[in-house]
PDB file of N, CA and C in Angstrom:
ATOM      1  N   UNK A   1       0.840  -1.171   0.000  1.00  0.00           N
ATOM      2  CA  UNK A   1       0.000   0.000   0.000  1.00  0.00           C
ATOM      3  C   UNK A   1       0.891   1.242   0.000  1.00  0.00           C
ATOM      4  N   UNK A   2       0.467   2.275  -0.745  1.00  0.00           N
ATOM      5  CA  UNK A   2       1.250   3.502  -0.859  1.00  0.00           C
ATOM      6  C   UNK A   2       1.198   4.293   0.440  1.00  0.00           C
ATOM      7  N   UNK A   3       2.327   4.892   0.752  1.00  0.00           N
ATOM      8  CA  UNK A   3       2.422   5.681   1.970  1.00  0.00           C
ATOM      9  C   UNK A   3       1.888   7.091   1.710  1.00  0.00           C
ATOM     10  N   UNK A   4       1.088   7.613   2.612  1.00  0.00           N
ATOM     11  CA  UNK A   4       0.530   8.954   2.476  1.00  0.00           C
ATOM     12  C   UNK A   4       1.370   9.927   3.290  1.00  0.00           C
ATOM     13  N   UNK A   5       1.534  11.104   2.723  1.00  0.00           N
ATOM     14  CA  UNK A   5       2.273  12.145   3.409  1.00  0.00           C
ATOM     15  C   UNK A   5       1.287  13.152   3.976  1.00  0.00           C
ATOM     16  N   UNK A   6       1.618  13.709   5.112  1.00  0.00           N
ATOM     17  CA  UNK A   6       0.684  14.600   5.792  1.00  0.00           C
ATOM     18  C   UNK A   6       0.790  16.058   5.340  1.00  0.00           C
ATOM     19  N   UNK A   7       1.781  16.393   4.526  1.00  0.00           N
ATOM     20  CA  UNK A   7       1.928  17.791   4.108  1.00  0.00           C
ATOM     21  C   UNK A   7       1.041  18.051   2.883  1.00  0.00           C
ATOM     22  N   UNK A   8      -0.189  18.410   3.151  1.00  0.00           N
ATOM     23  CA  UNK A   8      -1.134  18.675   2.073  1.00  0.00           C
ATOM     24  C   UNK A   8      -1.043  20.131   1.642  1.00  0.00           C
ATOM     25  N   UNK A   9      -1.305  20.368   0.369  1.00  0.00           N
ATOM     26  CA  UNK A   9      -1.261  21.707  -0.199  1.00  0.00           C
ATOM     27  C   UNK A   9      -2.569  21.966  -0.923  1.00  0.00           C
ATOM     28  N   UNK A  10      -2.928  23.232  -0.979  1.00  0.00           N
ATOM     29  CA  UNK A  10      -4.171  23.568  -1.663  1.00  0.00           C
ATOM     30  C   UNK A  10      -3.965  23.519  -3.180  1.00  0.00           C
ATOM     31  N   UNK A  11      -5.063  23.380  -3.900  1.00  0.00           N
ATOM     32  CA  UNK A  11      -5.016  23.350  -5.368  1.00  0.00           C
ATOM     33  C   UNK A  11      -4.462  24.677  -5.889  1.00  0.00           C
ATOM     34  N   UNK A  12      -4.836  25.769  -5.253  1.00  0.00           N
ATOM     35  CA  UNK A  12      -4.370  27.095  -5.673  1.00  0.00           C
ATOM     36  C   UNK A  12      -2.846  27.183  -5.598  1.00  0.00           C
ATOM     37  N   UNK A  13      -2.264  26.686  -4.506  1.00  0.00           N
ATOM     38  CA  UNK A  13      -0.803  26.704  -4.356  1.00  0.00           C
ATOM     39  C   UNK A  13      -0.129  25.813  -5.394  1.00  0.00           C
ATOM     40  N   UNK A  14      -0.696  24.647  -5.633  1.00  0.00           N
ATOM     41  CA  UNK A  14      -0.122  23.734  -6.614  1.00  0.00           C
ATOM     42  C   UNK A  14      -0.186  24.311  -8.025  1.00  0.00           C
ATOM     43  N   UNK A  15      -1.336  24.920  -8.367  1.00  0.00           N
ATOM     44  CA  UNK A  15      -1.471  25.527  -9.698  1.00  0.00           C
ATOM     45  C   UNK A  15      -0.515  26.699  -9.861  1.00  0.00           C
ATOM     46  N   UNK A  16      -0.370  27.510  -8.809  1.00  0.00           N
ATOM     47  CA  UNK A  16       0.563  28.633  -8.858  1.00  0.00           C
ATOM     48  C   UNK A  16       1.987  28.168  -9.093  1.00  0.00           C
ATOM     49  N   UNK A  17       2.396  27.117  -8.404  1.00  0.00           N
ATOM     50  CA  UNK A  17       3.742  26.574  -8.588  1.00  0.00           C
ATOM     51  C   UNK A  17       3.919  26.010  -9.997  1.00  0.00           C
ATOM     52  N   UNK A  18       2.903  25.320 -10.501  1.00  0.00           N
ATOM     53  CA  UNK A  18       2.967  24.753 -11.844  1.00  0.00           C
ATOM     54  C   UNK A  18       3.087  25.854 -12.899  1.00  0.00           C
ATOM     55  N   UNK A  19       2.311  26.915 -12.733  1.00  0.00           N
ATOM     56  CA  UNK A  19       2.340  28.032 -13.685  1.00  0.00           C
ATOM     57  C   UNK A  19       3.712  28.700 -13.688  1.00  0.00           C
ATOM     58  N   UNK A  20       4.293  28.908 -12.517  1.00  0.00           N
ATOM     59  CA  UNK A  20       5.621  29.535 -12.443  1.00  0.00           C
ATOM     60  C   UNK A  20       6.702  28.646 -13.041  1.00  0.00           C
ATOM     61  N   UNK A  21       6.661  27.367 -12.739  1.00  0.00           N
ATOM     62  CA  UNK A  21       7.680  26.438 -13.219  1.00  0.00           C
ATOM     63  C   UNK A  21       7.675  26.328 -14.739  1.00  0.00           C
ATOM     64  N   UNK A  22       6.522  26.437 -15.359  1.00  0.00           N
ATOM     65  CA  UNK A  22       6.407  26.245 -16.797  1.00  0.00           C
ATOM     66  C   UNK A  22       6.297  27.556 -17.577  1.00  0.00           C
ATOM     67  N   UNK A  23       6.580  28.672 -16.924  1.00  0.00           N
ATOM     68  CA  UNK A  23       6.548  30.001 -17.559  1.00  0.00           C
ATOM     69  C   UNK A  23       5.223  30.281 -18.273  1.00  0.00           C
ATOM     70  N   UNK A  24       4.134  30.035 -17.592  1.00  0.00           N
ATOM     71  CA  UNK A  24       2.805  30.253 -18.154  1.00  0.00           C
ATOM     72  C   UNK A  24       2.147  31.519 -17.619  1.00  0.00           C
ATOM     73  N   UNK A  25       2.863  32.301 -16.848  1.00  0.00           N
ATOM     74  CA  UNK A  25       2.301  33.484 -16.206  1.00  0.00           C
ATOM     75  C   UNK A  25       1.775  34.486 -17.224  1.00  0.00           C
ATOM     76  N   UNK A  26       2.529  34.730 -18.278  1.00  0.00           N
ATOM     77  CA  UNK A  26       2.124  35.706 -19.287  1.00  0.00           C
ATOM     78  C   UNK A  26       0.819  35.303 -19.966  1.00  0.00           C
ATOM     79  N   UNK A  27       0.687  34.048 -20.306  1.00  0.00           N
ATOM     80  CA  UNK A  27      -0.525  33.558 -20.955  1.00  0.00           C
ATOM     81  C   UNK A  27      -1.743  33.643 -20.052  1.00  0.00           C
ATOM     82  N   UNK A  28      -1.573  33.285 -18.783  1.00  0.00           N
ATOM     83  CA  UNK A  28      -2.688  33.370 -17.850  1.00  0.00           C
ATOM     84  C   UNK A  28      -3.076  34.820 -17.584  1.00  0.00           C
ATOM     85  N   UNK A  29      -2.105  35.725 -17.597  1.00  0.00           N
ATOM     86  CA  UNK A  29      -2.406  37.146 -17.432  1.00  0.00           C
ATOM     87  C   UNK A  29      -3.234  37.644 -18.600  1.00  0.00           C
ATOM     88  N   UNK A  30      -2.895  37.229 -19.821  1.00  0.00           N
ATOM     89  CA  UNK A  30      -3.672  37.613 -21.000  1.00  0.00           C
ATOM     90  C   UNK A  30      -5.123  37.140 -20.884  1.00  0.00           C
ATOM     91  N   UNK A  31      -5.308  35.929 -20.413  1.00  0.00           N
ATOM     92  CA  UNK A  31      -6.656  35.382 -20.257  1.00  0.00           C
ATOM     93  C   UNK A  31      -7.430  36.169 -19.205  1.00  0.00           C
ATOM     94  N   UNK A  32      -6.776  36.495 -18.096  1.00  0.00           N
ATOM     95  CA  UNK A  32      -7.431  37.280 -17.043  1.00  0.00           C
ATOM     96  C   UNK A  32      -7.852  38.648 -17.561  1.00  0.00           C
ATOM     97  N   UNK A  33      -6.997  39.277 -18.368  1.00  0.00           N
ATOM     98  CA  UNK A  33      -7.300  40.598 -18.917  1.00  0.00           C
ATOM     99  C   UNK A  33      -8.507  40.513 -19.852  1.00  0.00           C
ATOM    100  N   UNK A  34      -8.567  39.494 -20.683  1.00  0.00           N
ATOM    101  CA  UNK A  34      -9.702  39.333 -21.590  1.00  0.00           C
ATOM    102  C   UNK A  34     -11.001  39.113 -20.818  1.00  0.00           C
ATOM    103  N   UNK A  35     -10.941  38.303 -19.777  1.00  0.00           N
ATOM    104  CA  UNK A  35     -12.131  38.060 -18.964  1.00  0.00           C
ATOM    105  C   UNK A  35     -12.555  39.323 -18.220  1.00  0.00           C
ATOM    106  N   UNK A  36     -11.581  40.091 -17.734  1.00  0.00           N
ATOM    107  CA  UNK A  36     -11.892  41.337 -17.032  1.00  0.00           C
ATOM    108  C   UNK A  36     -12.530  42.347 -17.983  1.00  0.00           C
ATOM    109  N   UNK A  37     -12.072  42.401 -19.234  1.00  0.00           N
ATOM    110  CA  UNK A  37     -12.656  43.307 -20.228  1.00  0.00           C
ATOM    111  C   UNK A  37     -14.135  42.991 -20.430  1.00  0.00           C
ATOM    112  N   UNK A  38     -14.452  41.725 -20.567  1.00  0.00           N
ATOM    113  CA  UNK A  38     -15.847  41.315 -20.754  1.00  0.00           C
ATOM    114  C   UNK A  38     -16.681  41.674 -19.527  1.00  0.00           C
ATOM    115  N   UNK A  39     -16.103  41.465 -18.355  1.00  0.00           N
ATOM    116  CA  UNK A  39     -16.817  41.746 -17.118  1.00  0.00           C
ATOM    117  C   UNK A  39     -17.065  43.244 -16.941  1.00  0.00           C
ATOM    118  N   UNK A  40     -16.085  44.064 -17.266  1.00  0.00           N
ATOM    119  CA  UNK A  40     -16.212  45.512 -17.097  1.00  0.00           C
ATOM    120  C   UNK A  40     -17.112  46.116 -18.161  1.00  0.00           C
ATOM    121  N   UNK A  41     -16.919  45.745 -19.408  1.00  0.00           N
ATOM    122  CA  UNK A  41     -17.596  46.404 -20.512  1.00  0.00           C
ATOM    123  C   UNK A  41     -18.942  45.783 -20.881  1.00  0.00           C
ATOM    124  N   UNK A  42     -19.146  44.534 -20.586  1.00  0.00           N
ATOM    125  CA  UNK A  42     -20.416  43.890 -20.884  1.00  0.00           C
ATOM    126  C   UNK A  42     -20.468  43.326 -22.297  1.00  0.00           C
ATOM    127  N   UNK A  43     -21.585  42.692 -22.605  1.00  0.00           N
ATOM    128  CA  UNK A  43     -21.733  42.014 -23.897  1.00  0.00           C
ATOM    129  C   UNK A  43     -21.874  42.977 -25.064  1.00  0.00           C
ATOM    130  N   UNK A  44     -22.423  44.165 -24.832  1.00  0.00           N
ATOM    131  CA  UNK A  44     -22.595  45.131 -25.917  1.00  0.00           C
ATOM    132  C   UNK A  44     -21.278  45.556 -26.519  1.00  0.00           C
ATOM    133  N   UNK A  45     -20.339  45.939 -25.678  1.00  0.00           N
ATOM    134  CA  UNK A  45     -19.014  46.352 -26.158  1.00  0.00           C
ATOM    135  C   UNK A  45     -18.236  45.139 -26.637  1.00  0.00           C
ATOM    136  N   UNK A  46     -18.424  44.003 -25.990  1.00  0.00           N
ATOM    137  CA  UNK A  46     -17.711  42.792 -26.367  1.00  0.00           C
ATOM    138  C   UNK A  46     -18.017  42.387 -27.810  1.00  0.00           C
ATOM    139  N   UNK A  47     -19.243  42.651 -28.259  1.00  0.00           N
ATOM    140  CA  UNK A  47     -19.599  42.273 -29.623  1.00  0.00           C
ATOM    141  C   UNK A  47     -18.849  43.101 -30.671  1.00  0.00           C
ATOM    142  N   UNK A  48     -18.357  44.281 -30.297  1.00  0.00           N
ATOM    143  CA  UNK A  48     -17.577  45.115 -31.214  1.00  0.00           C
ATOM    144  C   UNK A  48     -16.066  44.979 -30.995  1.00  0.00           C
ATOM    145  N   UNK A  49     -15.654  44.179 -30.017  1.00  0.00           N
ATOM    146  CA  UNK A  49     -14.242  43.985 -29.710  1.00  0.00           C
ATOM    147  C   UNK A  49     -13.695  42.841 -30.554  1.00  0.00           C
ATOM    148  N   UNK A  50     -12.623  43.121 -31.298  1.00  0.00           N
ATOM    149  CA  UNK A  50     -12.044  42.080 -32.144  1.00  0.00           C
ATOM    150  C   UNK A  50     -10.788  41.457 -31.532  1.00  0.00           C
ATOM    151  N   UNK A  51     -10.038  42.209 -30.724  1.00  0.00           N
ATOM    152  CA  UNK A  51      -8.831  41.666 -30.089  1.00  0.00           C
ATOM    153  C   UNK A  51      -8.485  42.468 -28.849  1.00  0.00           C
ATOM    154  N   UNK A  52      -7.931  41.779 -27.852  1.00  0.00           N
ATOM    155  CA  UNK A  52      -7.484  42.411 -26.613  1.00  0.00           C
ATOM    156  C   UNK A  52      -6.108  41.850 -26.298  1.00  0.00           C
ATOM    157  N   UNK A  53      -5.146  42.739 -26.069  1.00  0.00           N
ATOM    158  CA  UNK A  53      -3.790  42.314 -25.710  1.00  0.00           C
ATOM    159  C   UNK A  53      -3.248  43.225 -24.620  1.00  0.00           C
ATOM    160  N   UNK A  54      -2.439  42.657 -23.745  1.00  0.00           N
ATOM    161  CA  UNK A  54      -1.713  43.435 -22.757  1.00  0.00           C
ATOM    162  C   UNK A  54      -0.249  43.405 -23.150  1.00  0.00           C
ATOM    163  N   UNK A  55       0.272  44.552 -23.576  1.00  0.00           N
ATOM    164  CA  UNK A  55       1.675  44.663 -23.969  1.00  0.00           C
ATOM    165  C   UNK A  55       2.368  45.546 -22.952  1.00  0.00           C
ATOM    166  N   UNK A  56       3.237  44.931 -22.152  1.00  0.00           N
ATOM    167  CA  UNK A  56       3.885  45.578 -21.014  1.00  0.00           C
ATOM    168  C   UNK A  56       2.802  46.091 -20.076  1.00  0.00           C
ATOM    169  N   UNK A  57       2.593  47.381 -19.967  1.00  0.00           N
ATOM    170  CA  UNK A  57       1.540  47.904 -19.102  1.00  0.00           C
ATOM    171  C   UNK A  57       0.487  48.668 -19.906  1.00  0.00           C
ATOM    172  N   UNK A  58       0.410  48.398 -21.202  1.00  0.00           N
ATOM    173  CA  UNK A  58      -0.548  49.061 -22.088  1.00  0.00           C
ATOM    174  C   UNK A  58      -1.571  48.030 -22.571  1.00  0.00           C
ATOM    175  N   UNK A  59      -2.845  48.328 -22.339  1.00  0.00           N
ATOM    176  CA  UNK A  59      -3.923  47.480 -22.831  1.00  0.00           C
ATOM    177  C   UNK A  59      -4.289  47.946 -24.230  1.00  0.00           C
ATOM    178  N   UNK A  60      -4.128  47.057 -25.206  1.00  0.00           N
ATOM    179  CA  UNK A  60      -4.433  47.369 -26.599  1.00  0.00           C
ATOM    180  C   UNK A  60      -5.735  46.655 -26.957  1.00  0.00           C
ATOM    181  N   UNK A  61      -6.747  47.447 -27.330  1.00  0.00           N
ATOM    182  CA  UNK A  61      -8.059  46.906 -27.654  1.00  0.00           C
ATOM    183  C   UNK A  61      -8.409  47.307 -29.080  1.00  0.00           C
ATOM    184  N   UNK A  62      -8.701  46.316 -29.914  1.00  0.00           N
ATOM    185  CA  UNK A  62      -9.116  46.567 -31.288  1.00  0.00           C
ATOM    186  C   UNK A  62     -10.642  46.521 -31.333  1.00  0.00           C
ATOM    187  N   UNK A  63     -11.227  47.590 -31.836  1.00  0.00           N
ATOM    188  CA  UNK A  63     -12.683  47.694 -31.924  1.00  0.00           C
ATOM    189  C   UNK A  63     -13.100  47.842 -33.381  1.00  0.00           C
ATOM    190  N   UNK A  64     -14.251  47.278 -33.723  1.00  0.00           N
ATOM    191  CA  UNK A  64     -14.734  47.367 -35.099  1.00  0.00           C
ATOM    192  C   UNK A  64     -15.622  48.592 -35.324  1.00  0.00           C
ATOM    193  N   UNK A  65     -15.919  49.348 -34.281  1.00  0.00           N
ATOM    194  CA  UNK A  65     -16.776  50.526 -34.397  1.00  0.00           C
ATOM    195  C   UNK A  65     -15.992  51.783 -34.023  1.00  0.00           C
ATOM    196  N   UNK A  66     -15.870  52.696 -34.969  1.00  0.00           N
ATOM    197  CA  UNK A  66     -15.149  53.938 -34.701  1.00  0.00           C
ATOM    198  C   UNK A  66     -15.912  54.825 -33.722  1.00  0.00           C
ATOM    199  N   UNK A  67     -17.226  54.772 -33.744  1.00  0.00           N
ATOM    200  CA  UNK A  67     -18.031  55.572 -32.821  1.00  0.00           C
ATOM    201  C   UNK A  67     -17.811  55.087 -31.390  1.00  0.00           C
ATOM    202  N   UNK A  68     -17.822  53.785 -31.193  1.00  0.00           N
ATOM    203  CA  UNK A  68     -17.579  53.212 -29.878  1.00  0.00           C
ATOM    204  C   UNK A  68     -16.162  53.514 -29.409  1.00  0.00           C
ATOM    205  N   UNK A  69     -15.207  53.428 -30.306  1.00  0.00           N
ATOM    206  CA  UNK A  69     -13.817  53.734 -29.980  1.00  0.00           C
ATOM    207  C   UNK A  69     -13.693  55.155 -29.443  1.00  0.00           C
ATOM    208  N   UNK A  70     -14.337  56.100 -30.097  1.00  0.00           N
ATOM    209  CA  UNK A  70     -14.290  57.496 -29.679  1.00  0.00           C
ATOM    210  C   UNK A  70     -14.957  57.681 -28.313  1.00  0.00           C
ATOM    211  N   UNK A  71     -16.081  57.038 -28.123  1.00  0.00           N
ATOM    212  CA  UNK A  71     -16.804  57.184 -26.861  1.00  0.00           C
ATOM    213  C   UNK A  71     -16.025  56.567 -25.700  1.00  0.00           C
ATOM    214  N   UNK A  72     -15.414  55.418 -25.917  1.00  0.00           N
ATOM    215  CA  UNK A  72     -14.631  54.778 -24.851  1.00  0.00           C
ATOM    216  C   UNK A  72     -13.374  55.562 -24.514  1.00  0.00           C
ATOM    217  N   UNK A  73     -12.845  56.297 -25.473  1.00  0.00           N
ATOM    218  CA  UNK A  73     -11.622  57.069 -25.215  1.00  0.00           C
ATOM    219  C   UNK A  73     -11.860  58.159 -24.169  1.00  0.00           C
ATOM    220  N   UNK A  74     -13.095  58.635 -24.059  1.00  0.00           N
ATOM    221  CA  UNK A  74     -13.404  59.661 -23.055  1.00  0.00           C
ATOM    222  C   UNK A  74     -13.352  59.109 -21.633  1.00  0.00           C
ATOM    223  N   UNK A  75     -13.645  57.833 -21.469  1.00  0.00           N
ATOM    224  CA  UNK A  75     -13.645  57.232 -20.140  1.00  0.00           C
ATOM    225  C   UNK A  75     -12.505  56.270 -19.912  1.00  0.00           C
ATOM    226  N   UNK A  76     -11.376  56.491 -20.570  1.00  0.00           N
ATOM    227  CA  UNK A  76     -10.267  55.530 -20.482  1.00  0.00           C
ATOM    228  C   UNK A  76      -9.695  55.428 -19.066  1.00  0.00           C
ATOM    229  N   UNK A  77      -9.639  56.536 -18.335  1.00  0.00           N
ATOM    230  CA  UNK A  77      -9.115  56.473 -16.962  1.00  0.00           C
ATOM    231  C   UNK A  77      -9.990  55.600 -16.068  1.00  0.00           C
ATOM    232  N   UNK A  78     -11.294  55.739 -16.234  1.00  0.00           N
ATOM    233  CA  UNK A  78     -12.225  54.939 -15.446  1.00  0.00           C
ATOM    234  C   UNK A  78     -12.123  53.462 -15.823  1.00  0.00           C
ATOM    235  N   UNK A  79     -11.958  53.172 -17.104  1.00  0.00           N
ATOM    236  CA  UNK A  79     -11.819  51.787 -17.568  1.00  0.00           C
ATOM    237  C   UNK A  79     -10.564  51.164 -16.971  1.00  0.00           C
ATOM    238  N   UNK A  80      -9.461  51.909 -16.980  1.00  0.00           N
ATOM    239  CA  UNK A  80      -8.198  51.402 -16.416  1.00  0.00           C
ATOM    240  C   UNK A  80      -8.371  51.084 -14.940  1.00  0.00           C
ATOM    241  N   UNK A  81      -9.018  51.994 -14.211  1.00  0.00           N
ATOM    242  CA  UNK A  81      -9.225  51.803 -12.772  1.00  0.00           C
ATOM    243  C   UNK A  81     -10.067  50.563 -12.503  1.00  0.00           C
ATOM    244  N   UNK A  82     -11.162  50.409 -13.236  1.00  0.00           N
ATOM    245  CA  UNK A  82     -12.045  49.259 -13.038  1.00  0.00           C
ATOM    246  C   UNK A  82     -11.358  47.947 -13.416  1.00  0.00           C
ATOM    247  N   UNK A  83     -10.584  47.956 -14.492  1.00  0.00           N
ATOM    248  CA  UNK A  83      -9.869  46.742 -14.914  1.00  0.00           C
ATOM    249  C   UNK A  83      -8.849  46.327 -13.853  1.00  0.00           C
ATOM    250  N   UNK A  84      -8.087  47.280 -13.338  1.00  0.00           N
ATOM    251  CA  UNK A  84      -7.079  46.972 -12.322  1.00  0.00           C
ATOM    252  C   UNK A  84      -7.718  46.467 -11.033  1.00  0.00           C
ATOM    253  N   UNK A  85      -8.900  46.990 -10.689  1.00  0.00           N
ATOM    254  CA  UNK A  85      -9.595  46.501  -9.496  1.00  0.00           C
ATOM    255  C   UNK A  85      -9.988  45.036  -9.657  1.00  0.00           C
ATOM    256  N   UNK A  86     -10.487  44.685 -10.819  1.00  0.00           N
ATOM    257  CA  UNK A  86     -10.890  43.296 -11.061  1.00  0.00           C
ATOM    258  C   UNK A  86      -9.671  42.376 -11.103  1.00  0.00           C
ATOM    259  N   UNK A  87      -8.584  42.850 -11.731  1.00  0.00           N
ATOM    260  CA  UNK A  87      -7.372  42.028 -11.833  1.00  0.00           C
ATOM    261  C   UNK A  87      -6.658  41.906 -10.496  1.00  0.00           C
ATOM    262  N   UNK A  88      -6.917  42.823  -9.570  1.00  0.00           N
ATOM    263  CA  UNK A  88      -6.295  42.758  -8.255  1.00  0.00           C
ATOM    264  C   UNK A  88      -4.867  43.244  -8.225  1.00  0.00           C
ATOM    265  N   UNK A  89      -4.436  43.913  -9.269  1.00  0.00           N
ATOM    266  CA  UNK A  89      -3.065  44.421  -9.355  1.00  0.00           C
ATOM    267  C   UNK A  89      -3.051  45.562 -10.361  1.00  0.00           C
ATOM    268  N   UNK A  90      -2.034  46.401 -10.303  1.00  0.00           N
ATOM    269  CA  UNK A  90      -1.910  47.507 -11.251  1.00  0.00           C
ATOM    270  C   UNK A  90      -1.146  47.023 -12.475  1.00  0.00           C
ATOM    271  N   UNK A  91      -1.818  46.244 -13.296  1.00  0.00           N
ATOM    272  CA  UNK A  91      -1.198  45.719 -14.507  1.00  0.00           C
ATOM    273  C   UNK A  91      -1.320  46.692 -15.665  1.00  0.00           C
ATOM    274  N   UNK A  92      -2.379  47.510 -15.674  1.00  0.00           N
ATOM    275  CA  UNK A  92      -2.667  48.406 -16.795  1.00  0.00           C
ATOM    276  C   UNK A  92      -2.427  49.842 -16.372  1.00  0.00           C
ATOM    277  N   UNK A  93      -1.599  50.547 -17.130  1.00  0.00           N
ATOM    278  CA  UNK A  93      -1.344  51.961 -16.866  1.00  0.00           C
ATOM    279  C   UNK A  93      -1.856  52.849 -17.980  1.00  0.00           C
ATOM    280  N   UNK A  94      -1.993  52.304 -19.178  1.00  0.00           N
ATOM    281  CA  UNK A  94      -2.502  53.025 -20.331  1.00  0.00           C
ATOM    282  C   UNK A  94      -3.412  52.123 -21.121  1.00  0.00           C
ATOM    283  N   UNK A  95      -4.297  52.745 -21.886  1.00  0.00           N
ATOM    284  CA  UNK A  95      -5.168  51.977 -22.769  1.00  0.00           C
ATOM    285  C   UNK A  95      -5.081  52.585 -24.162  1.00  0.00           C
ATOM    286  N   UNK A  96      -4.940  51.728 -25.160  1.00  0.00           N
ATOM    287  CA  UNK A  96      -4.891  52.193 -26.549  1.00  0.00           C
ATOM    288  C   UNK A  96      -6.019  51.506 -27.314  1.00  0.00           C
ATOM    289  N   UNK A  97      -6.930  52.312 -27.806  1.00  0.00           N
ATOM    290  CA  UNK A  97      -8.064  51.807 -28.559  1.00  0.00           C
ATOM    291  C   UNK A  97      -7.790  51.984 -30.047  1.00  0.00           C
ATOM    292  N   UNK A  98      -7.814  50.891 -30.784  1.00  0.00           N
ATOM    293  CA  UNK A  98      -7.552  50.961 -32.222  1.00  0.00           C
ATOM    294  C   UNK A  98      -8.678  50.349 -33.009  1.00  0.00           C
TER     295      UNK A  98
END
């Protein structure tokens, strides 16, 4: 019979260690940013969003509507603040809407 060890670890700790060991942090950050965008902006804006990328500390969002792009540019500071609150860290310092 296999011997059991008493040092148990949570799934969160194990996943964190696995992500660090395999250099997957950047990819998981991209996924978190995309999910946060959907959560902050909702389905209406999401339908006009074609791509979302985090490059260094700049969030690059490609939109298919020029009118929406212009309107979102007025509230970019608020969008950055809300995104960083959801992400739990100051990952975004600028937003570029294209």
